Amino acid sequence: WFKRYYPDLRVHAVNFPGDPYPIHIDATFVPLRPGLIINNP
């Protein structure tokens, strides 16, 4: 649905196998500024 609604954007499906209760991305993958991300180890 996102891909069709925003045809000019790239949509990436992400799955994190280390999370037994995968809900919400913002305690896993946090961009801080262009060029830098912190990632849940």
ModelCIF file with pLDDT and N, C-alpha, C, O atoms, coordinates in Angstrom:
data_MODEL
#
_entry.id   MODEL 
#
_entity.id                         1 
_entity.type                       polymer 
_entity.pdbx_number_of_molecules   1 
#
_entity_poly.entity_id                      1 
_entity_poly.type                           'polypeptide(L)' 
_entity_poly.nstd_linkage                   no 
_entity_poly.nstd_monomer                   no 
_entity_poly.pdbx_seq_one_letter_code       WFKRYYPDLRVHAVNFPGDPYPIHIDATFVPLRPGLIINNP 
_entity_poly.pdbx_seq_one_letter_code_can   WFKRYYPDLRVHAVNFPGDPYPIHIDATFVPLRPGLIINNP 
_entity_poly.pdbx_strand_id                 A 
#
loop_
_entity_poly_seq.entity_id 
_entity_poly_seq.num 
_entity_poly_seq.mon_id 
_entity_poly_seq.hetero 
1 1  TRP n 
1 2  PHE n 
1 3  LYS n 
1 4  ARG n 
1 5  TYR n 
1 6  TYR n 
1 7  PRO n 
1 8  ASP n 
1 9  LEU n 
1 10 ARG n 
1 11 VAL n 
1 12 HIS n 
1 13 ALA n 
1 14 VAL n 
1 15 ASN n 
1 16 PHE n 
1 17 PRO n 
1 18 GLY n 
1 19 ASP n 
1 20 PRO n 
1 21 TYR n 
1 22 PRO n 
1 23 ILE n 
1 24 HIS n 
1 25 ILE n 
1 26 ASP n 
1 27 ALA n 
1 28 THR n 
1 29 PHE n 
1 30 VAL n 
1 31 PRO n 
1 32 LEU n 
1 33 ARG n 
1 34 PRO n 
1 35 GLY n 
1 36 LEU n 
1 37 ILE n 
1 38 ILE n 
1 39 ASN n 
1 40 ASN n 
1 41 PRO n 
#
_struct_asym.id          A 
_struct_asym.entity_id   1 
#
loop_
_ma_qa_metric.id 
_ma_qa_metric.mode 
_ma_qa_metric.name 
_ma_qa_metric.software_group_id 
_ma_qa_metric.type 
1 global pLDDT . pLDDT 
2 local  pLDDT . pLDDT 
#
_ma_qa_metric_global.metric_id      1 
_ma_qa_metric_global.metric_value   89.80 
_ma_qa_metric_global.model_id       1 
_ma_qa_metric_global.ordinal_id     1 
#
loop_
_ma_qa_metric_local.label_asym_id 
_ma_qa_metric_local.label_comp_id 
_ma_qa_metric_local.label_seq_id 
_ma_qa_metric_local.metric_id 
_ma_qa_metric_local.metric_value 
_ma_qa_metric_local.model_id 
_ma_qa_metric_local.ordinal_id 
A TRP 1  2 98.00 1 1  
A PHE 2  2 98.00 1 2  
A LYS 3  2 97.00 1 3  
A ARG 4  2 98.00 1 4  
A TYR 5  2 98.00 1 5  
A TYR 6  2 98.00 1 6  
A PRO 7  2 97.00 1 7  
A ASP 8  2 96.00 1 8  
A LEU 9  2 96.00 1 9  
A ARG 10 2 95.00 1 10 
A VAL 11 2 95.00 1 11 
A HIS 12 2 92.00 1 12 
A ALA 13 2 89.00 1 13 
A VAL 14 2 87.00 1 14 
A ASN 15 2 82.00 1 15 
A PHE 16 2 78.00 1 16 
A PRO 17 2 73.00 1 17 
A GLY 18 2 66.00 1 18 
A ASP 19 2 71.00 1 19 
A PRO 20 2 70.00 1 20 
A TYR 21 2 72.00 1 21 
A PRO 22 2 74.00 1 22 
A ILE 23 2 82.00 1 23 
A HIS 24 2 88.00 1 24 
A ILE 25 2 88.00 1 25 
A ASP 26 2 88.00 1 26 
A ALA 27 2 86.00 1 27 
A THR 28 2 90.00 1 28 
A PHE 29 2 91.00 1 29 
A VAL 30 2 95.00 1 30 
A PRO 31 2 96.00 1 31 
A LEU 32 2 98.00 1 32 
A ARG 33 2 97.00 1 33 
A PRO 34 2 97.00 1 34 
A GLY 35 2 97.00 1 35 
A LEU 36 2 97.00 1 36 
A ILE 37 2 96.00 1 37 
A ILE 38 2 96.00 1 38 
A ASN 39 2 94.00 1 39 
A ASN 40 2 93.00 1 40 
A PRO 41 2 93.00 1 41 
#
loop_
_atom_site.group_PDB 
_atom_site.id 
_atom_site.type_symbol 
_atom_site.label_atom_id 
_atom_site.label_alt_id 
_atom_site.label_comp_id 
_atom_site.label_asym_id 
_atom_site.label_entity_id 
_atom_site.label_seq_id 
_atom_site.pdbx_PDB_ins_code 
_atom_site.Cartn_x 
_atom_site.Cartn_y 
_atom_site.Cartn_z 
_atom_site.occupancy 
_atom_site.B_iso_or_equiv 
_atom_site.pdbx_formal_charge 
_atom_site.auth_seq_id 
_atom_site.auth_comp_id 
_atom_site.auth_asym_id 
_atom_site.auth_atom_id 
_atom_site.pdbx_PDB_model_num 
ATOM 1   N N  . TRP A 1 1  ? 0.829  -1.200  0.000  1.00 98.00 ? 1  TRP A N  1 
ATOM 2   C CA . TRP A 1 1  ? 0.000  0.000   0.000  1.00 98.00 ? 1  TRP A CA 1 
ATOM 3   C C  . TRP A 1 1  ? 0.874  1.267   0.000  1.00 98.00 ? 1  TRP A C  1 
ATOM 4   O O  . TRP A 1 1  ? 0.606  2.203   -0.753 1.00 98.00 ? 1  TRP A O  1 
ATOM 5   N N  . PHE A 1 2  ? 1.919  1.294   0.844  1.00 98.00 ? 2  PHE A N  1 
ATOM 6   C CA . PHE A 1 2  ? 2.838  2.438   0.874  1.00 98.00 ? 2  PHE A CA 1 
ATOM 7   C C  . PHE A 1 2  ? 3.501  2.628   -0.485 1.00 98.00 ? 2  PHE A C  1 
ATOM 8   O O  . PHE A 1 2  ? 3.650  3.756   -0.956 1.00 98.00 ? 2  PHE A O  1 
ATOM 9   N N  . LYS A 1 3  ? 3.891  1.546   -1.099 1.00 97.00 ? 3  LYS A N  1 
ATOM 10  C CA . LYS A 1 3  ? 4.575  1.631   -2.385 1.00 97.00 ? 3  LYS A CA 1 
ATOM 11  C C  . LYS A 1 3  ? 3.675  2.280   -3.438 1.00 97.00 ? 3  LYS A C  1 
ATOM 12  O O  . LYS A 1 3  ? 4.143  3.079   -4.250 1.00 97.00 ? 3  LYS A O  1 
ATOM 13  N N  . ARG A 1 4  ? 2.411  1.942   -3.425 1.00 98.00 ? 4  ARG A N  1 
ATOM 14  C CA . ARG A 1 4  ? 1.474  2.521   -4.397 1.00 98.00 ? 4  ARG A CA 1 
ATOM 15  C C  . ARG A 1 4  ? 1.110  3.962   -4.032 1.00 98.00 ? 4  ARG A C  1 
ATOM 16  O O  . ARG A 1 4  ? 0.957  4.809   -4.912 1.00 98.00 ? 4  ARG A O  1 
ATOM 17  N N  . TYR A 1 5  ? 0.973  4.234   -2.735 1.00 98.00 ? 5  TYR A N  1 
ATOM 18  C CA . TYR A 1 5  ? 0.566  5.578   -2.311 1.00 98.00 ? 5  TYR A CA 1 
ATOM 19  C C  . TYR A 1 5  ? 1.690  6.585   -2.511 1.00 98.00 ? 5  TYR A C  1 
ATOM 20  O O  . TYR A 1 5  ? 1.437  7.741   -2.850 1.00 98.00 ? 5  TYR A O  1 
ATOM 21  N N  . TYR A 1 6  ? 2.936  6.148   -2.302 1.00 98.00 ? 6  TYR A N  1 
ATOM 22  C CA . TYR A 1 6  ? 4.102  7.021   -2.491 1.00 98.00 ? 6  TYR A CA 1 
ATOM 23  C C  . TYR A 1 6  ? 4.998  6.437   -3.596 1.00 98.00 ? 6  TYR A C  1 
ATOM 24  O O  . TYR A 1 6  ? 6.063  5.895   -3.300 1.00 98.00 ? 6  TYR A O  1 
ATOM 25  N N  . PRO A 1 7  ? 4.578  6.541   -4.857 1.00 97.00 ? 7  PRO A N  1 
ATOM 26  C CA . PRO A 1 7  ? 5.335  5.881   -5.938 1.00 97.00 ? 7  PRO A CA 1 
ATOM 27  C C  . PRO A 1 7  ? 6.725  6.464   -6.162 1.00 97.00 ? 7  PRO A C  1 
ATOM 28  O O  . PRO A 1 7  ? 7.568  5.810   -6.776 1.00 97.00 ? 7  PRO A O  1 
ATOM 29  N N  . ASP A 1 8  ? 6.982  7.672   -5.682 1.00 96.00 ? 8  ASP A N  1 
ATOM 30  C CA . ASP A 1 8  ? 8.298  8.281   -5.876 1.00 96.00 ? 8  ASP A CA 1 
ATOM 31  C C  . ASP A 1 8  ? 9.286  7.926   -4.762 1.00 96.00 ? 8  ASP A C  1 
ATOM 32  O O  . ASP A 1 8  ? 10.448 8.331   -4.813 1.00 96.00 ? 8  ASP A O  1 
ATOM 33  N N  . LEU A 1 9  ? 8.839  7.182   -3.771 1.00 96.00 ? 9  LEU A N  1 
ATOM 34  C CA . LEU A 1 9  ? 9.710  6.796   -2.663 1.00 96.00 ? 9  LEU A CA 1 
ATOM 35  C C  . LEU A 1 9  ? 10.105 5.324   -2.800 1.00 96.00 ? 9  LEU A C  1 
ATOM 36  O O  . LEU A 1 9  ? 9.412  4.534   -3.441 1.00 96.00 ? 9  LEU A O  1 
ATOM 37  N N  . ARG A 1 10 ? 11.232 4.980   -2.183 1.00 95.00 ? 10 ARG A N  1 
ATOM 38  C CA . ARG A 1 10 ? 11.636 3.584   -2.087 1.00 95.00 ? 10 ARG A CA 1 
ATOM 39  C C  . ARG A 1 10 ? 11.160 3.025   -0.755 1.00 95.00 ? 10 ARG A C  1 
ATOM 40  O O  . ARG A 1 10 ? 11.412 3.612   0.297  1.00 95.00 ? 10 ARG A O  1 
ATOM 41  N N  . VAL A 1 11 ? 10.480 1.902   -0.804 1.00 95.00 ? 11 VAL A N  1 
ATOM 42  C CA . VAL A 1 11 ? 9.944  1.260   0.394  1.00 95.00 ? 11 VAL A CA 1 
ATOM 43  C C  . VAL A 1 11 ? 10.767 0.006   0.676  1.00 95.00 ? 11 VAL A C  1 
ATOM 44  O O  . VAL A 1 11 ? 10.872 -0.886  -0.166 1.00 95.00 ? 11 VAL A O  1 
ATOM 45  N N  . HIS A 1 12 ? 11.343 -0.045  1.869  1.00 92.00 ? 12 HIS A N  1 
ATOM 46  C CA . HIS A 1 12 ? 12.186 -1.170  2.279  1.00 92.00 ? 12 HIS A CA 1 
ATOM 47  C C  . HIS A 1 12 ? 11.485 -1.943  3.393  1.00 92.00 ? 12 HIS A C  1 
ATOM 48  O O  . HIS A 1 12 ? 11.169 -1.376  4.438  1.00 92.00 ? 12 HIS A O  1 
ATOM 49  N N  . ALA A 1 13 ? 11.246 -3.214  3.177  1.00 89.00 ? 13 ALA A N  1 
ATOM 50  C CA . ALA A 1 13 ? 10.690 -4.075  4.217  1.00 89.00 ? 13 ALA A CA 1 
ATOM 51  C C  . ALA A 1 13 ? 11.820 -4.552  5.119  1.00 89.00 ? 13 ALA A C  1 
ATOM 52  O O  . ALA A 1 13 ? 12.816 -5.093  4.639  1.00 89.00 ? 13 ALA A O  1 
ATOM 53  N N  . VAL A 1 14 ? 11.668 -4.353  6.421  1.00 87.00 ? 14 VAL A N  1 
ATOM 54  C CA . VAL A 1 14 ? 12.714 -4.701  7.381  1.00 87.00 ? 14 VAL A CA 1 
ATOM 55  C C  . VAL A 1 14 ? 12.156 -5.682  8.406  1.00 87.00 ? 14 VAL A C  1 
ATOM 56  O O  . VAL A 1 14 ? 11.046 -5.510  8.910  1.00 87.00 ? 14 VAL A O  1 
ATOM 57  N N  . ASN A 1 15 ? 12.933 -6.696  8.701  1.00 82.00 ? 15 ASN A N  1 
ATOM 58  C CA . ASN A 1 15 ? 12.576 -7.671  9.716  1.00 82.00 ? 15 ASN A CA 1 
ATOM 59  C C  . ASN A 1 15 ? 13.798 -7.909  10.598 1.00 82.00 ? 15 ASN A C  1 
ATOM 60  O O  . ASN A 1 15 ? 14.907 -8.067  10.089 1.00 82.00 ? 15 ASN A O  1 
ATOM 61  N N  . PHE A 1 16 ? 13.603 -7.935  11.907 1.00 78.00 ? 16 PHE A N  1 
ATOM 62  C CA . PHE A 1 16 ? 14.711 -8.108  12.845 1.00 78.00 ? 16 PHE A CA 1 
ATOM 63  C C  . PHE A 1 16 ? 14.553 -9.444  13.569 1.00 78.00 ? 16 PHE A C  1 
ATOM 64  O O  . PHE A 1 16 ? 13.804 -9.535  14.542 1.00 78.00 ? 16 PHE A O  1 
ATOM 65  N N  . PRO A 1 17 ? 15.252 -10.482 13.103 1.00 73.00 ? 17 PRO A N  1 
ATOM 66  C CA . PRO A 1 17 ? 15.057 -11.821 13.659 1.00 73.00 ? 17 PRO A CA 1 
ATOM 67  C C  . PRO A 1 17 ? 15.394 -11.950 15.143 1.00 73.00 ? 17 PRO A C  1 
ATOM 68  O O  . PRO A 1 17 ? 14.945 -12.903 15.779 1.00 73.00 ? 17 PRO A O  1 
ATOM 69  N N  . GLY A 1 18 ? 16.160 -11.035 15.713 1.00 66.00 ? 18 GLY A N  1 
ATOM 70  C CA . GLY A 1 18 ? 16.540 -11.134 17.119 1.00 66.00 ? 18 GLY A CA 1 
ATOM 71  C C  . GLY A 1 18 ? 15.499 -10.634 18.092 1.00 66.00 ? 18 GLY A C  1 
ATOM 72  O O  . GLY A 1 18 ? 15.739 -10.633 19.300 1.00 66.00 ? 18 GLY A O  1 
ATOM 73  N N  . ASP A 1 19 ? 14.330 -10.204 17.595 1.00 71.00 ? 19 ASP A N  1 
ATOM 74  C CA . ASP A 1 19 ? 13.303 -9.620  18.456 1.00 71.00 ? 19 ASP A CA 1 
ATOM 75  C C  . ASP A 1 19 ? 12.117 -10.577 18.545 1.00 71.00 ? 19 ASP A C  1 
ATOM 76  O O  . ASP A 1 19 ? 11.436 -10.787 17.541 1.00 71.00 ? 19 ASP A O  1 
ATOM 77  N N  . PRO A 1 20 ? 11.847 -11.164 19.711 1.00 70.00 ? 20 PRO A N  1 
ATOM 78  C CA . PRO A 1 20 ? 10.732 -12.107 19.817 1.00 70.00 ? 20 PRO A CA 1 
ATOM 79  C C  . PRO A 1 20 ? 9.361  -11.440 19.819 1.00 70.00 ? 20 PRO A C  1 
ATOM 80  O O  . PRO A 1 20 ? 8.348  -12.101 19.590 1.00 70.00 ? 20 PRO A O  1 
ATOM 81  N N  . TYR A 1 21 ? 9.325  -10.114 20.082 1.00 72.00 ? 21 TYR A N  1 
ATOM 82  C CA . TYR A 1 21 ? 8.069  -9.368  20.088 1.00 72.00 ? 21 TYR A CA 1 
ATOM 83  C C  . TYR A 1 21 ? 8.236  -8.124  19.209 1.00 72.00 ? 21 TYR A C  1 
ATOM 84  O O  . TYR A 1 21 ? 8.241  -7.009  19.730 1.00 72.00 ? 21 TYR A O  1 
ATOM 85  N N  . PRO A 1 22 ? 8.374  -8.291  17.887 1.00 74.00 ? 22 PRO A N  1 
ATOM 86  C CA . PRO A 1 22 ? 8.732  -7.150  17.034 1.00 74.00 ? 22 PRO A CA 1 
ATOM 87  C C  . PRO A 1 22 ? 7.574  -6.181  16.808 1.00 74.00 ? 22 PRO A C  1 
ATOM 88  O O  . PRO A 1 22 ? 6.684  -6.422  15.993 1.00 74.00 ? 22 PRO A O  1 
ATOM 89  N N  . ILE A 1 23 ? 7.615  -5.091  17.546 1.00 82.00 ? 23 ILE A N  1 
ATOM 90  C CA . ILE A 1 23 ? 6.642  -4.017  17.393 1.00 82.00 ? 23 ILE A CA 1 
ATOM 91  C C  . ILE A 1 23 ? 7.397  -2.692  17.445 1.00 82.00 ? 23 ILE A C  1 
ATOM 92  O O  . ILE A 1 23 ? 8.018  -2.376  18.459 1.00 82.00 ? 23 ILE A O  1 
ATOM 93  N N  . HIS A 1 24 ? 7.352  -1.935  16.392 1.00 88.00 ? 24 HIS A N  1 
ATOM 94  C CA . HIS A 1 24 ? 7.879  -0.589  16.277 1.00 88.00 ? 24 HIS A CA 1 
ATOM 95  C C  . HIS A 1 24 ? 9.402  -0.572  16.121 1.00 88.00 ? 24 HIS A C  1 
ATOM 96  O O  . HIS A 1 24 ? 10.128 -1.335  16.758 1.00 88.00 ? 24 HIS A O  1 
ATOM 97  N N  . ILE A 1 25 ? 9.840  0.309   15.268 1.00 88.00 ? 25 ILE A N  1 
ATOM 98  C CA . ILE A 1 25 ? 11.231 0.300   14.823 1.00 88.00 ? 25 ILE A CA 1 
ATOM 99  C C  . ILE A 1 25 ? 12.129 1.235   15.627 1.00 88.00 ? 25 ILE A C  1 
ATOM 100 O O  . ILE A 1 25 ? 13.353 1.162   15.516 1.00 88.00 ? 25 ILE A O  1 
ATOM 101 N N  . ASP A 1 26 ? 11.531 2.117   16.439 1.00 88.00 ? 26 ASP A N  1 
ATOM 102 C CA . ASP A 1 26 ? 12.306 3.210   17.022 1.00 88.00 ? 26 ASP A CA 1 
ATOM 103 C C  . ASP A 1 26 ? 13.019 2.873   18.334 1.00 88.00 ? 26 ASP A C  1 
ATOM 104 O O  . ASP A 1 26 ? 13.512 3.772   19.017 1.00 88.00 ? 26 ASP A O  1 
ATOM 105 N N  . ALA A 1 27 ? 13.076 1.585   18.693 1.00 86.00 ? 27 ALA A N  1 
ATOM 106 C CA . ALA A 1 27 ? 14.003 1.146   19.742 1.00 86.00 ? 27 ALA A CA 1 
ATOM 107 C C  . ALA A 1 27 ? 14.955 0.108   19.164 1.00 86.00 ? 27 ALA A C  1 
ATOM 108 O O  . ALA A 1 27 ? 15.540 -0.703  19.883 1.00 86.00 ? 27 ALA A O  1 
ATOM 109 N N  . THR A 1 28 ? 15.091 0.159   17.852 1.00 90.00 ? 28 THR A N  1 
ATOM 110 C CA . THR A 1 28 ? 15.950 -0.779  17.131 1.00 90.00 ? 28 THR A CA 1 
ATOM 111 C C  . THR A 1 28 ? 16.886 -0.058  16.175 1.00 90.00 ? 28 THR A C  1 
ATOM 112 O O  . THR A 1 28 ? 18.042 -0.449  16.016 1.00 90.00 ? 28 THR A O  1 
ATOM 113 N N  . PHE A 1 29 ? 16.389 0.989   15.543 1.00 91.00 ? 29 PHE A N  1 
ATOM 114 C CA . PHE A 1 29 ? 17.059 1.582   14.390 1.00 91.00 ? 29 PHE A CA 1 
ATOM 115 C C  . PHE A 1 29 ? 16.793 3.091   14.431 1.00 91.00 ? 29 PHE A C  1 
ATOM 116 O O  . PHE A 1 29 ? 15.697 3.530   14.083 1.00 91.00 ? 29 PHE A O  1 
ATOM 117 N N  . VAL A 1 30 ? 17.787 3.893   14.854 1.00 95.00 ? 30 VAL A N  1 
ATOM 118 C CA . VAL A 1 30 ? 17.554 5.315   15.125 1.00 95.00 ? 30 VAL A CA 1 
ATOM 119 C C  . VAL A 1 30 ? 18.585 6.184   14.396 1.00 95.00 ? 30 VAL A C  1 
ATOM 120 O O  . VAL A 1 30 ? 19.725 6.275   14.851 1.00 95.00 ? 30 VAL A O  1 
ATOM 121 N N  . PRO A 1 31 ? 18.221 6.819   13.287 1.00 96.00 ? 31 PRO A N  1 
ATOM 122 C CA . PRO A 1 31 ? 19.126 7.787   12.663 1.00 96.00 ? 31 PRO A CA 1 
ATOM 123 C C  . PRO A 1 31 ? 19.260 9.034   13.538 1.00 96.00 ? 31 PRO A C  1 
ATOM 124 O O  . PRO A 1 31 ? 18.261 9.574   14.011 1.00 96.00 ? 31 PRO A O  1 
ATOM 125 N N  . LEU A 1 32 ? 20.483 9.483   13.748 1.00 98.00 ? 32 LEU A N  1 
ATOM 126 C CA . LEU A 1 32 ? 20.737 10.670  14.562 1.00 98.00 ? 32 LEU A CA 1 
ATOM 127 C C  . LEU A 1 32 ? 20.970 11.914  13.720 1.00 98.00 ? 32 LEU A C  1 
ATOM 128 O O  . LEU A 1 32 ? 20.631 13.026  14.126 1.00 98.00 ? 32 LEU A O  1 
ATOM 129 N N  . ARG A 1 33 ? 21.544 11.718  12.563 1.00 97.00 ? 33 ARG A N  1 
ATOM 130 C CA . ARG A 1 33 ? 21.780 12.807  11.614 1.00 97.00 ? 33 ARG A CA 1 
ATOM 131 C C  . ARG A 1 33 ? 22.192 12.148  10.303 1.00 97.00 ? 33 ARG A C  1 
ATOM 132 O O  . ARG A 1 33 ? 22.475 10.950  10.292 1.00 97.00 ? 33 ARG A O  1 
ATOM 133 N N  . PRO A 1 34 ? 22.234 12.889  9.201  1.00 97.00 ? 34 PRO A N  1 
ATOM 134 C CA . PRO A 1 34 ? 22.681 12.271  7.951  1.00 97.00 ? 34 PRO A CA 1 
ATOM 135 C C  . PRO A 1 34 ? 24.076 11.673  8.129  1.00 97.00 ? 34 PRO A C  1 
ATOM 136 O O  . PRO A 1 34 ? 25.023 12.372  8.489  1.00 97.00 ? 34 PRO A O  1 
ATOM 137 N N  . GLY A 1 35 ? 24.186 10.384  7.873  1.00 97.00 ? 35 GLY A N  1 
ATOM 138 C CA . GLY A 1 35 ? 25.471 9.708   7.986  1.00 97.00 ? 35 GLY A CA 1 
ATOM 139 C C  . GLY A 1 35 ? 25.681 8.911   9.253  1.00 97.00 ? 35 GLY A C  1 
ATOM 140 O O  . GLY A 1 35 ? 26.725 8.274   9.393  1.00 97.00 ? 35 GLY A O  1 
ATOM 141 N N  . LEU A 1 36 ? 24.727 8.915   10.197 1.00 97.00 ? 36 LEU A N  1 
ATOM 142 C CA . LEU A 1 36 ? 24.942 8.237   11.481 1.00 97.00 ? 36 LEU A CA 1 
ATOM 143 C C  . LEU A 1 36 ? 23.654 7.610   12.004 1.00 97.00 ? 36 LEU A C  1 
ATOM 144 O O  . LEU A 1 36 ? 22.613 8.262   12.081 1.00 97.00 ? 36 LEU A O  1 
ATOM 145 N N  . ILE A 1 37 ? 23.750 6.325   12.361 1.00 96.00 ? 37 ILE A N  1 
ATOM 146 C CA . ILE A 1 37 ? 22.634 5.568   12.933 1.00 96.00 ? 37 ILE A CA 1 
ATOM 147 C C  . ILE A 1 37 ? 23.128 4.814   14.161 1.00 96.00 ? 37 ILE A C  1 
ATOM 148 O O  . ILE A 1 37 ? 24.255 4.319   14.176 1.00 96.00 ? 37 ILE A O  1 
ATOM 149 N N  . ILE A 1 38 ? 22.281 4.723   15.201 1.00 96.00 ? 38 ILE A N  1 
ATOM 150 C CA . ILE A 1 38 ? 22.537 3.739   16.247 1.00 96.00 ? 38 ILE A CA 1 
ATOM 151 C C  . ILE A 1 38 ? 21.570 2.583   16.039 1.00 96.00 ? 38 ILE A C  1 
ATOM 152 O O  . ILE A 1 38 ? 20.408 2.778   15.681 1.00 96.00 ? 38 ILE A O  1 
ATOM 153 N N  . ASN A 1 39 ? 22.076 1.367   16.272 1.00 94.00 ? 39 ASN A N  1 
ATOM 154 C CA . ASN A 1 39 ? 21.342 0.142   15.986 1.00 94.00 ? 39 ASN A CA 1 
ATOM 155 C C  . ASN A 1 39 ? 21.362 -0.761  17.224 1.00 94.00 ? 39 ASN A C  1 
ATOM 156 O O  . ASN A 1 39 ? 22.413 -0.970  17.829 1.00 94.00 ? 39 ASN A O  1 
ATOM 157 N N  . ASN A 1 40 ? 20.217 -1.284  17.586 1.00 93.00 ? 40 ASN A N  1 
ATOM 158 C CA . ASN A 1 40 ? 20.129 -2.220  18.700 1.00 93.00 ? 40 ASN A CA 1 
ATOM 159 C C  . ASN A 1 40 ? 21.022 -3.430  18.414 1.00 93.00 ? 40 ASN A C  1 
ATOM 160 O O  . ASN A 1 40 ? 20.822 -4.104  17.403 1.00 93.00 ? 40 ASN A O  1 
ATOM 161 N N  . PRO A 1 41 ? 21.999 -3.723  19.274 1.00 93.00 ? 41 PRO A N  1 
ATOM 162 C CA . PRO A 1 41 ? 22.941 -4.809  18.980 1.00 93.00 ? 41 PRO A CA 1 
ATOM 163 C C  . PRO A 1 41 ? 22.309 -6.195  19.007 1.00 93.00 ? 41 PRO A C  1 
ATOM 164 O O  . PRO A 1 41 ? 22.995 -7.191  18.776 1.00 93.00 ? 41 PRO A O  1 
#
